[in-house]
Each structure stands twice: as structure tokens, then as C-alpha cells.
Amino acid sequence: MSEKGEVDLTGAKQNTGVWLVKVPKYLSQQWAKASGRGEVGKLRIGKNQGKAEVEFTLNEDLTMIDSLGDKPSGVQAPRDHPFTMQTVGGQTLAVFTETQSDRISLEGLVVQRAECRPAASENYMKLKRLQIEELSKPVRLSQQLEKAVTTNYKPVANHSYNLEYDRKKKDEGKRARADKQQVLDMLFSAFEKHQYYNIKDLVDVTKQPVSYLKEILRDIGIYNVKGTHKNTWELKPEYRHYQGGEEEKETDD
């Protein structure tokens, strides 16, 4: 910032209006790859019954997700991203830019807010699974050894963690807690076949304790307390992908 703190207000004089749009993190990362190489996608603006309909389509060359961890992902980002339009409200918001010479300029006042969300698709479902898997991985720790390890491992008839698993299995009525990622995979696989499940059916599918299963479901699902599908679970919108377009639309009475 300049010593005098001067700001170029040309944008205010020109009454320039700008849009403030929230985009998913992965989308901004894909845009960064196209820096100086051309367009990142196309924006379509139309009207339906007097209301604005806006959709962004990502350039096909930018859809491949390189990696989220230590190996190639093999996953593609979704291309279609409809906008959810929002009002600015009573706020006065402005957009500023700062150049390398520390010059600050007012680009314009925010006249429209929006959120760019991916359309439900198989690619988005795979991307969310990949993100969950990466978040579930334990943090790697390094430890400095004061002396060389000389202990030789000897084979044992049954490892301690197997004995602990057997004990838990017996204590919890033949239902021991599986790894969280394994349970998530089973749940996603089930919800790809049907949209709604009651807790009893999900227990039968996963063979997990009810309390543990509900704990995981709260992260990815919604519990319906009224309507046609009362007392059932379904996936949150960001995780939904159903085979053959069988997603049902629930209407309140």
C-alpha cells in the first residue's frame, strides 16, 4: 500500500457494477492452471419467467484433477455449475485491486451476489469421495531415534489388535465398529441404488452399531422428520447421485 494511502476511485465515478460469486475450492484451483493460457470456461446468462438463470461451464481441458494426495487421482471435475442468485441486501460492498506497485484501485460496487455450485453428476460424486478419503487419512508423523532398532519381530499366533477386535465384537453383540471410510463406502454404494433408507435397513447393510452409524450419517445425510419419507435418511445435496435419474422430489403436505 502506498505511503499516503491513496486509492484510485475511478471505478466509483464510472458507477461500475460487479458480481461477487462464491466458487468451490477445486474450481478455483482448476482456474489457476489456465493462467495466461486462454479461457477457463463459458458463462451463460438467461431468463426464465422473469428470473435470471446463470450457469458456468468449465473448459473441458481443465476438468482433470491432478491429485489430492500423493498419487494421481484419475478423477474429473464436474463441468456444469449453475448459480444460486442472492441479493446484496442492505450492505454496501466494493471490490478493490492492488498492483505490484502497491497502487489500490476501486473496481466497482457489488450489485449482485451468487454462489456457484456443481450440478449433481457422477464426476462430482467421485470427487467428493476422493476428498473424504484424503481427509480420513492419518497425519504422518516423523520421530527421531536416539539409537538403532535392534529388536527383531517374531511371528505371533494372533495379534493384539485382532484380539481387541474380537472382544469388541462380542461386547457389541457381533457388531464391531469398522473403519469409518469402509462404512462411508458402504453407505454411498447403498444410496446410489435408493434415495431413502430407514436406520434399520442401513444397519443391515453396514452391520454397524446404531450409535456409530448415526454419528457418520450426520456428516453426510439428512434425517426426514416429516412428509412422505418421514423417519428416513437421505444424502445431503452435495453428496447425491442416483442411478437412472431415480431421485424423487418430496412435496410437503
Protein backbone atom coordinates (compact mmCIF):
# COMPACT_ATOMS: atom_id res chain seq x y z
CA MET A 1 0.00 0.00 0.00
CA SER A 2 1.33 3.49 -0.82
CA GLU A 3 2.69 5.67 1.95
CA LYS A 4 -0.08 8.23 1.51
CA GLY A 5 -2.75 5.51 1.34
CA GLU A 6 -4.25 6.93 -1.86
CA VAL A 7 -6.98 4.95 -3.61
CA ASP A 8 -7.97 5.30 -7.27
CA LEU A 9 -11.74 5.91 -7.24
CA THR A 10 -12.26 5.98 -11.00
CA GLY A 11 -14.45 2.90 -10.69
CA ALA A 12 -16.81 4.77 -8.37
CA LYS A 13 -17.14 7.66 -10.83
CA GLN A 14 -17.94 5.24 -13.67
CA ASN A 15 -20.60 3.57 -11.48
CA THR A 16 -19.21 0.14 -12.41
CA GLY A 17 -21.25 -2.78 -11.06
CA VAL A 18 -19.57 -6.13 -10.29
CA TRP A 19 -20.77 -9.56 -9.18
CA LEU A 20 -19.47 -11.25 -6.03
CA VAL A 21 -19.52 -15.02 -6.64
CA LYS A 22 -18.54 -17.79 -4.23
CA VAL A 23 -16.98 -20.80 -6.01
CA PRO A 24 -15.85 -24.26 -4.80
CA LYS A 25 -12.17 -24.54 -3.87
CA TYR A 26 -11.45 -27.19 -6.52
CA LEU A 27 -12.86 -24.90 -9.22
CA SER A 28 -10.55 -22.01 -8.31
CA GLN A 29 -7.61 -24.46 -8.31
CA GLN A 30 -8.52 -25.60 -11.83
CA TRP A 31 -8.78 -21.97 -12.98
CA ALA A 32 -5.26 -21.31 -11.69
CA LYS A 33 -3.93 -23.88 -14.19
CA ALA A 34 -5.18 -21.76 -17.09
CA SER A 35 -3.31 -18.62 -16.03
CA GLY A 36 -2.20 -16.91 -19.24
CA ARG A 37 -3.38 -19.82 -21.43
CA GLY A 38 -6.83 -18.69 -22.51
CA GLU A 39 -10.40 -19.10 -21.28
CA VAL A 40 -11.38 -21.13 -18.19
CA GLY A 41 -14.93 -21.74 -19.34
CA LYS A 42 -18.13 -20.12 -20.53
CA LEU A 43 -20.85 -18.24 -18.65
CA ARG A 44 -24.44 -18.44 -19.87
CA ILE A 45 -26.92 -15.84 -18.64
CA GLY A 46 -30.60 -16.20 -19.49
CA LYS A 47 -34.07 -15.59 -18.08
CA ASN A 48 -36.85 -17.94 -17.08
CA GLN A 49 -40.22 -16.41 -16.15
CA GLY A 50 -38.51 -13.10 -15.47
CA LYS A 51 -35.82 -14.59 -13.22
CA ALA A 52 -32.14 -14.68 -14.14
CA GLU A 53 -30.64 -18.11 -14.81
CA VAL A 54 -26.85 -18.26 -14.81
CA GLU A 55 -24.64 -21.30 -15.42
CA PHE A 56 -20.87 -21.65 -15.74
CA THR A 57 -19.39 -24.46 -17.87
CA LEU A 58 -15.77 -25.36 -17.13
CA ASN A 59 -13.41 -25.71 -20.07
CA GLU A 60 -13.03 -29.43 -20.85
CA ASP A 61 -9.21 -29.10 -20.86
CA LEU A 62 -9.34 -28.12 -17.17
CA THR A 63 -11.53 -30.93 -15.83
CA MET A 64 -8.79 -33.41 -14.85
CA ILE A 65 -7.96 -33.26 -11.12
CA ASP A 66 -4.20 -33.88 -10.90
CA SER A 67 -4.17 -35.18 -7.33
CA LEU A 68 -5.39 -34.52 -3.81
CA GLY A 69 -2.72 -36.60 -2.10
CA ASP A 70 0.50 -38.38 -3.06
CA LYS A 71 -0.75 -40.04 -6.28
CA PRO A 72 -2.76 -39.15 -9.40
CA SER A 73 -6.48 -39.02 -8.69
CA GLY A 74 -7.90 -40.19 -12.02
CA VAL A 75 -10.98 -38.06 -11.21
CA GLN A 76 -12.52 -35.34 -13.35
CA ALA A 77 -14.14 -32.18 -12.02
CA PRO A 78 -17.79 -31.60 -12.98
CA ARG A 79 -18.22 -29.15 -15.84
CA ASP A 80 -21.68 -27.66 -15.23
CA HIS A 81 -22.08 -25.20 -12.35
CA PRO A 82 -25.45 -23.39 -12.03
CA PHE A 83 -25.52 -20.18 -9.97
CA THR A 84 -27.73 -19.64 -6.93
CA MET A 85 -28.58 -15.95 -7.06
CA GLN A 86 -28.62 -13.90 -3.84
CA THR A 87 -29.46 -10.30 -3.01
CA VAL A 88 -26.90 -7.84 -1.75
CA GLY A 89 -29.30 -6.72 0.98
CA GLY A 90 -28.68 -3.53 2.90
CA GLN A 91 -24.91 -3.86 2.62
CA THR A 92 -22.58 -1.73 0.54
CA LEU A 93 -19.84 -3.95 -0.82
CA ALA A 94 -16.96 -2.94 -3.07
CA VAL A 95 -14.15 -4.70 -4.94
CA PHE A 96 -10.57 -3.37 -4.79
CA THR A 97 -7.42 -4.44 -6.64
CA GLU A 98 -3.79 -3.89 -5.71
CA THR A 99 -0.99 -3.77 -8.29
CA GLN A 100 2.66 -4.75 -7.83
CA SER A 101 3.43 -1.05 -7.39
CA ASP A 102 1.12 -1.02 -4.33
CA ARG A 103 -1.48 1.03 -6.16
CA ILE A 104 -5.02 0.35 -4.93
CA SER A 105 -7.99 0.87 -7.22
CA LEU A 106 -11.73 0.63 -6.72
CA GLU A 107 -13.05 -1.70 -9.43
CA GLY A 108 -16.71 -1.19 -8.64
CA LEU A 109 -19.60 -1.74 -6.26
CA VAL A 110 -21.17 -5.17 -5.78
CA VAL A 111 -24.59 -5.23 -7.41
CA GLN A 112 -25.21 -8.99 -7.34
CA ARG A 113 -24.15 -11.89 -5.11
CA ALA A 114 -24.23 -15.52 -6.19
CA GLU A 115 -22.97 -18.98 -5.29
CA CYS A 116 -21.54 -21.24 -7.98
CA ARG A 117 -22.45 -24.86 -7.20
CA PRO A 118 -21.68 -28.04 -9.16
CA ALA A 119 -24.60 -29.86 -10.74
CA ALA A 120 -25.19 -33.38 -9.38
CA SER A 121 -23.19 -35.80 -11.50
CA GLU A 122 -21.10 -38.95 -11.30
CA ASN A 123 -17.89 -36.90 -11.60
CA TYR A 124 -18.86 -34.74 -8.61
CA MET A 125 -19.72 -37.82 -6.57
CA LYS A 126 -16.30 -39.33 -7.29
CA LEU A 127 -14.62 -36.05 -6.41
CA LYS A 128 -16.40 -35.85 -3.04
CA ARG A 129 -15.41 -39.45 -2.27
CA LEU A 130 -11.80 -38.64 -3.07
CA GLN A 131 -11.88 -35.59 -0.79
CA ILE A 132 -13.39 -37.62 2.08
CA GLU A 133 -10.75 -40.33 1.65
CA GLU A 134 -7.95 -37.75 1.82
CA LEU A 135 -9.42 -36.15 4.95
CA SER A 136 -9.73 -39.58 6.59
CA LYS A 137 -6.05 -40.40 6.16
CA PRO A 138 -3.98 -40.13 9.38
CA VAL A 139 -1.44 -37.35 9.62
CA ARG A 140 2.06 -38.71 9.09
CA LEU A 141 4.47 -38.11 11.93
CA SER A 142 8.25 -38.36 11.98
CA GLN A 143 10.27 -39.30 15.06
CA GLN A 144 14.00 -39.10 15.60
CA LEU A 145 15.53 -42.28 17.03
CA GLU A 146 18.32 -41.99 19.56
CA LYS A 147 19.72 -45.43 18.70
CA ALA A 148 19.34 -48.08 16.06
CA VAL A 149 16.46 -50.51 16.37
CA THR A 150 17.78 -53.98 17.12
CA THR A 151 14.52 -55.70 18.07
CA ASN A 152 13.54 -58.42 15.65
CA TYR A 153 9.86 -59.03 15.10
CA LYS A 154 8.69 -62.52 15.89
CA PRO A 155 5.54 -64.06 14.40
CA VAL A 156 2.63 -64.43 16.80
CA ALA A 157 -0.40 -66.68 16.65
CA ASN A 158 -2.82 -63.76 16.97
CA HIS A 159 -2.07 -60.06 17.02
CA SER A 160 -3.28 -57.86 19.88
CA TYR A 161 -5.50 -55.73 17.60
CA ASN A 162 -7.24 -58.88 16.38
CA LEU A 163 -7.90 -59.90 19.97
CA GLU A 164 -9.23 -56.42 20.72
CA TYR A 165 -11.48 -56.59 17.67
CA ASP A 166 -12.86 -59.96 18.76
CA ARG A 167 -13.53 -58.58 22.24
CA LYS A 168 -15.42 -55.57 20.87
CA LYS A 169 -17.34 -57.80 18.51
CA LYS A 170 -18.51 -59.91 21.42
CA ASP A 171 -19.31 -56.92 23.67
CA GLU A 172 -21.35 -55.13 20.98
CA GLY A 173 -23.43 -58.13 20.01
CA LYS A 174 -21.39 -59.22 16.98
CA ARG A 175 -21.31 -55.68 15.63
CA ALA A 176 -17.86 -54.10 15.95
CA ARG A 177 -17.07 -50.68 14.57
CA ALA A 178 -15.45 -50.87 11.14
CA ASP A 179 -13.12 -48.22 9.75
CA LYS A 180 -15.05 -45.00 9.02
CA GLN A 181 -14.02 -44.96 5.37
CA GLN A 182 -15.28 -48.53 4.90
CA VAL A 183 -18.65 -47.52 6.36
CA LEU A 184 -18.78 -44.43 4.09
CA ASP A 185 -18.12 -46.60 1.03
CA MET A 186 -20.95 -48.96 2.02
CA LEU A 187 -23.34 -46.04 2.61
CA PHE A 188 -22.50 -44.31 -0.69
CA SER A 189 -22.94 -47.59 -2.53
CA ALA A 190 -26.37 -48.11 -0.91
CA PHE A 191 -27.57 -44.56 -1.65
CA GLU A 192 -26.59 -44.95 -5.30
CA LYS A 193 -29.37 -47.58 -5.51
CA HIS A 194 -32.09 -45.87 -3.45
CA GLN A 195 -32.62 -42.33 -2.18
CA TYR A 196 -34.26 -43.09 1.18
CA TYR A 197 -33.42 -45.63 3.92
CA ASN A 198 -34.59 -46.14 7.47
CA ILE A 199 -31.93 -46.76 10.11
CA LYS A 200 -32.79 -50.46 10.43
CA ASP A 201 -32.08 -51.11 6.76
CA LEU A 202 -28.77 -49.19 6.96
CA VAL A 203 -27.76 -51.26 9.99
CA ASP A 204 -28.45 -54.42 7.97
CA VAL A 205 -26.36 -53.07 5.08
CA THR A 206 -23.35 -51.93 7.11
CA LYS A 207 -23.50 -54.33 10.11
CA GLN A 208 -22.55 -51.39 12.36
CA PRO A 209 -23.77 -50.32 15.82
CA VAL A 210 -26.68 -47.89 15.61
CA SER A 211 -24.97 -45.09 17.57
CA TYR A 212 -21.81 -45.28 15.44
CA LEU A 213 -23.81 -45.39 12.20
CA LYS A 214 -25.89 -42.33 13.16
CA GLU A 215 -22.69 -40.44 14.02
CA ILE A 216 -21.41 -40.98 10.46
CA LEU A 217 -24.81 -40.31 8.87
CA ARG A 218 -24.98 -36.86 10.49
CA ASP A 219 -21.89 -35.86 8.45
CA ILE A 220 -23.26 -36.89 5.05
CA GLY A 221 -27.02 -37.25 5.45
CA ILE A 222 -30.32 -35.60 6.31
CA TYR A 223 -32.96 -37.17 8.60
CA ASN A 224 -36.52 -36.53 7.41
CA VAL A 225 -38.88 -35.80 10.30
CA LYS A 226 -41.99 -35.16 8.21
CA GLY A 227 -43.51 -35.67 4.80
CA THR A 228 -43.85 -38.77 2.64
CA HIS A 229 -40.45 -40.15 3.70
CA LYS A 230 -40.76 -39.48 7.41
CA ASN A 231 -38.22 -41.23 9.67
CA THR A 232 -35.81 -41.99 6.81
CA TRP A 233 -32.29 -40.86 5.92
CA GLU A 234 -31.10 -39.42 2.61
CA LEU A 235 -27.81 -37.90 1.43
CA LYS A 236 -27.11 -34.19 1.69
CA PRO A 237 -27.45 -32.42 -1.70
CA GLU A 238 -23.68 -32.19 -2.23
CA TYR A 239 -23.31 -35.99 -1.98
CA ARG A 240 -26.33 -37.08 -4.05
CA HIS A 241 -26.03 -39.16 -7.21
CA TYR A 242 -28.66 -41.72 -8.10
CA GLN A 243 -28.69 -44.33 -10.83
CA GLY A 244 -31.01 -43.83 -13.79
CA GLY A 245 -32.31 -40.45 -12.60
CA GLU A 246 -34.46 -42.05 -9.91
CA GLU A 247 -34.20 -39.15 -7.48
CA GLU A 248 -37.59 -38.40 -6.04
CA LYS A 249 -38.92 -34.96 -5.33
CA GLU A 250 -40.63 -34.76 -1.97
CA THR A 251 -43.56 -32.39 -1.61
CA ASP A 252 -44.81 -31.16 1.73
CA ASP A 253 -48.46 -31.52 2.53
